[in-house]
Amino acid sequence: MKISKSFNHPSNLNELIKEAYGTQEQLAEVLNLGIEMLFYLEEDTFERKDVQHVASAMRIVCEVLRQVE
């Protein structure tokens, strides 16, 4: 799933997940891929766009988690 640059960050994590990834399982798959990428990241192991997609997902979750009090 591609997230628009104009994505309006909802204040609720469940809302974010639904809007950006559809289900919690889909977000979990993206984040799990990110974990694998970090362990095995070598030149030509993953497509650059896939690494960027995972980084974007992690960034959005971090931003929402920082807003939750």
N, C-alpha and C. Protein backbone atom coordinates (compact mmCIF):
# COMPACT_ATOMS: atom_id res chain seq x y z
N MET A 1 0.84 -1.17 0.00
CA MET A 1 0.00 0.00 0.00
C MET A 1 0.88 1.23 0.00
N LYS A 2 0.55 2.18 -0.83
CA LYS A 2 1.31 3.43 -0.90
C LYS A 2 0.57 4.50 -0.13
N ILE A 3 1.28 5.20 0.73
CA ILE A 3 0.68 6.24 1.56
C ILE A 3 0.91 7.58 0.88
N SER A 4 -0.16 8.32 0.73
CA SER A 4 -0.09 9.64 0.12
C SER A 4 0.73 10.58 0.99
N LYS A 5 1.48 11.48 0.34
CA LYS A 5 2.26 12.46 1.09
C LYS A 5 1.35 13.40 1.87
N SER A 6 0.10 13.51 1.44
CA SER A 6 -0.85 14.38 2.13
C SER A 6 -1.66 13.60 3.16
N PHE A 7 -1.19 12.43 3.53
CA PHE A 7 -1.89 11.58 4.49
C PHE A 7 -2.13 12.34 5.79
N ASN A 8 -3.37 12.40 6.20
CA ASN A 8 -3.75 13.10 7.42
C ASN A 8 -3.65 12.11 8.58
N HIS A 9 -2.70 12.31 9.46
CA HIS A 9 -2.47 11.36 10.55
C HIS A 9 -3.63 11.38 11.55
N PRO A 10 -4.36 10.29 11.64
CA PRO A 10 -5.42 10.22 12.64
C PRO A 10 -4.82 10.11 14.04
N SER A 11 -5.57 10.51 15.02
CA SER A 11 -5.06 10.47 16.39
C SER A 11 -5.16 9.08 17.00
N ASN A 12 -5.90 8.20 16.40
CA ASN A 12 -6.11 6.86 16.91
C ASN A 12 -5.29 5.88 16.08
N LEU A 13 -4.48 5.04 16.74
CA LEU A 13 -3.63 4.09 16.03
C LEU A 13 -4.45 3.12 15.20
N ASN A 14 -5.58 2.65 15.71
CA ASN A 14 -6.43 1.74 14.94
C ASN A 14 -6.94 2.40 13.67
N GLU A 15 -7.26 3.67 13.76
CA GLU A 15 -7.72 4.42 12.60
C GLU A 15 -6.60 4.55 11.57
N LEU A 16 -5.40 4.82 12.03
CA LEU A 16 -4.23 4.90 11.15
C LEU A 16 -4.04 3.58 10.41
N ILE A 17 -4.07 2.51 11.14
CA ILE A 17 -3.84 1.19 10.55
C ILE A 17 -4.89 0.90 9.48
N LYS A 18 -6.14 1.16 9.80
CA LYS A 18 -7.22 0.90 8.86
C LYS A 18 -7.08 1.74 7.60
N GLU A 19 -6.78 3.03 7.76
CA GLU A 19 -6.67 3.94 6.62
C GLU A 19 -5.44 3.64 5.76
N ALA A 20 -4.33 3.33 6.38
CA ALA A 20 -3.08 3.18 5.65
C ALA A 20 -2.81 1.76 5.17
N TYR A 21 -3.24 0.75 5.95
CA TYR A 21 -2.87 -0.63 5.64
C TYR A 21 -4.04 -1.59 5.53
N GLY A 22 -5.22 -1.18 5.91
CA GLY A 22 -6.39 -2.04 5.81
C GLY A 22 -6.61 -2.88 7.04
N THR A 23 -5.59 -3.60 7.45
CA THR A 23 -5.72 -4.46 8.64
C THR A 23 -4.43 -4.40 9.46
N GLN A 24 -4.54 -4.81 10.72
CA GLN A 24 -3.37 -4.88 11.58
C GLN A 24 -2.38 -5.90 11.03
N GLU A 25 -2.89 -6.97 10.45
CA GLU A 25 -2.03 -8.02 9.91
C GLU A 25 -1.18 -7.49 8.75
N GLN A 26 -1.78 -6.67 7.90
CA GLN A 26 -1.01 -6.10 6.78
C GLN A 26 0.09 -5.18 7.30
N LEU A 27 -0.20 -4.37 8.30
CA LEU A 27 0.84 -3.52 8.88
C LEU A 27 1.91 -4.37 9.53
N ALA A 28 1.53 -5.41 10.24
CA ALA A 28 2.49 -6.30 10.88
C ALA A 28 3.42 -6.94 9.85
N GLU A 29 2.88 -7.30 8.70
CA GLU A 29 3.70 -7.88 7.64
C GLU A 29 4.74 -6.88 7.15
N VAL A 30 4.35 -5.62 6.97
CA VAL A 30 5.29 -4.58 6.53
C VAL A 30 6.38 -4.39 7.58
N LEU A 31 5.99 -4.32 8.84
CA LEU A 31 6.98 -4.11 9.90
C LEU A 31 7.89 -5.32 10.06
N ASN A 32 7.36 -6.52 9.91
CA ASN A 32 8.20 -7.73 9.96
C ASN A 32 9.20 -7.74 8.83
N LEU A 33 8.78 -7.31 7.65
CA LEU A 33 9.70 -7.21 6.53
C LEU A 33 10.80 -6.21 6.86
N GLY A 34 10.44 -5.12 7.51
CA GLY A 34 11.43 -4.13 7.91
C GLY A 34 12.47 -4.69 8.86
N ILE A 35 12.02 -5.50 9.79
CA ILE A 35 12.95 -6.14 10.73
C ILE A 35 13.92 -7.04 9.97
N GLU A 36 13.39 -7.84 9.05
CA GLU A 36 14.26 -8.69 8.25
C GLU A 36 15.25 -7.86 7.44
N MET A 37 14.77 -6.76 6.87
CA MET A 37 15.65 -5.90 6.08
C MET A 37 16.80 -5.36 6.91
N LEU A 38 16.50 -4.97 8.13
CA LEU A 38 17.55 -4.41 8.98
C LEU A 38 18.61 -5.45 9.33
N PHE A 39 18.20 -6.70 9.49
CA PHE A 39 19.16 -7.75 9.82
C PHE A 39 20.01 -8.16 8.63
N TYR A 40 19.42 -8.14 7.45
CA TYR A 40 20.10 -8.70 6.29
C TYR A 40 20.35 -7.69 5.17
N LEU A 41 20.24 -6.42 5.48
CA LEU A 41 20.37 -5.40 4.45
C LEU A 41 21.78 -5.39 3.86
N GLU A 42 21.84 -5.77 2.63
CA GLU A 42 23.07 -5.73 1.85
C GLU A 42 22.69 -5.20 0.48
N GLU A 43 23.66 -4.76 -0.24
CA GLU A 43 23.40 -4.26 -1.58
C GLU A 43 22.70 -5.34 -2.41
N ASP A 44 21.65 -4.93 -3.10
CA ASP A 44 20.88 -5.80 -4.00
C ASP A 44 20.08 -6.90 -3.29
N THR A 45 19.89 -6.81 -1.97
CA THR A 45 19.09 -7.80 -1.26
C THR A 45 17.61 -7.48 -1.39
N PHE A 46 17.25 -6.21 -1.24
CA PHE A 46 15.87 -5.76 -1.33
C PHE A 46 15.79 -4.60 -2.31
N GLU A 47 14.63 -4.41 -2.90
CA GLU A 47 14.41 -3.26 -3.76
C GLU A 47 14.38 -2.00 -2.92
N ARG A 48 14.95 -0.93 -3.44
CA ARG A 48 15.00 0.34 -2.70
C ARG A 48 13.60 0.79 -2.31
N LYS A 49 12.63 0.68 -3.22
CA LYS A 49 11.27 1.13 -2.94
C LYS A 49 10.65 0.33 -1.79
N ASP A 50 10.99 -0.96 -1.66
CA ASP A 50 10.47 -1.76 -0.55
C ASP A 50 11.04 -1.29 0.78
N VAL A 51 12.33 -0.98 0.80
CA VAL A 51 12.96 -0.47 2.03
C VAL A 51 12.34 0.87 2.40
N GLN A 52 12.11 1.74 1.42
CA GLN A 52 11.50 3.04 1.69
C GLN A 52 10.07 2.88 2.20
N HIS A 53 9.33 1.93 1.67
CA HIS A 53 7.96 1.68 2.11
C HIS A 53 7.93 1.26 3.58
N VAL A 54 8.83 0.37 3.94
CA VAL A 54 8.90 -0.09 5.33
C VAL A 54 9.32 1.06 6.24
N ALA A 55 10.28 1.85 5.82
CA ALA A 55 10.72 2.99 6.63
C ALA A 55 9.58 3.97 6.83
N SER A 56 8.78 4.20 5.81
CA SER A 56 7.62 5.10 5.94
C SER A 56 6.61 4.56 6.94
N ALA A 57 6.37 3.26 6.89
CA ALA A 57 5.42 2.65 7.83
C ALA A 57 5.91 2.81 9.26
N MET A 58 7.18 2.56 9.48
CA MET A 58 7.75 2.70 10.82
C MET A 58 7.68 4.15 11.29
N ARG A 59 7.95 5.08 10.39
CA ARG A 59 7.92 6.50 10.74
C ARG A 59 6.51 6.92 11.17
N ILE A 60 5.50 6.51 10.42
CA ILE A 60 4.12 6.88 10.73
C ILE A 60 3.71 6.31 12.09
N VAL A 61 4.02 5.05 12.33
CA VAL A 61 3.66 4.44 13.62
C VAL A 61 4.37 5.18 14.75
N CYS A 62 5.62 5.52 14.57
CA CYS A 62 6.36 6.26 15.60
C CYS A 62 5.73 7.61 15.86
N GLU A 63 5.34 8.31 14.80
CA GLU A 63 4.71 9.62 14.97
C GLU A 63 3.40 9.51 15.75
N VAL A 64 2.60 8.52 15.44
CA VAL A 64 1.33 8.34 16.15
C VAL A 64 1.58 7.95 17.60
N LEU A 65 2.53 7.06 17.83
CA LEU A 65 2.82 6.64 19.19
C LEU A 65 3.31 7.81 20.04
N ARG A 66 4.05 8.71 19.43
CA ARG A 66 4.52 9.90 20.18
C ARG A 66 3.39 10.84 20.53
N GLN A 67 2.32 10.83 19.76
CA GLN A 67 1.16 11.70 20.01
C GLN A 67 0.23 11.13 21.07
N VAL A 68 0.27 9.82 21.26
CA VAL A 68 -0.61 9.16 22.23
C VAL A 68 -0.07 9.40 23.63
N GLU A 69 -0.94 9.88 24.50
CA GLU A 69 -0.52 10.13 25.89
C GLU A 69 -1.32 9.35 26.86
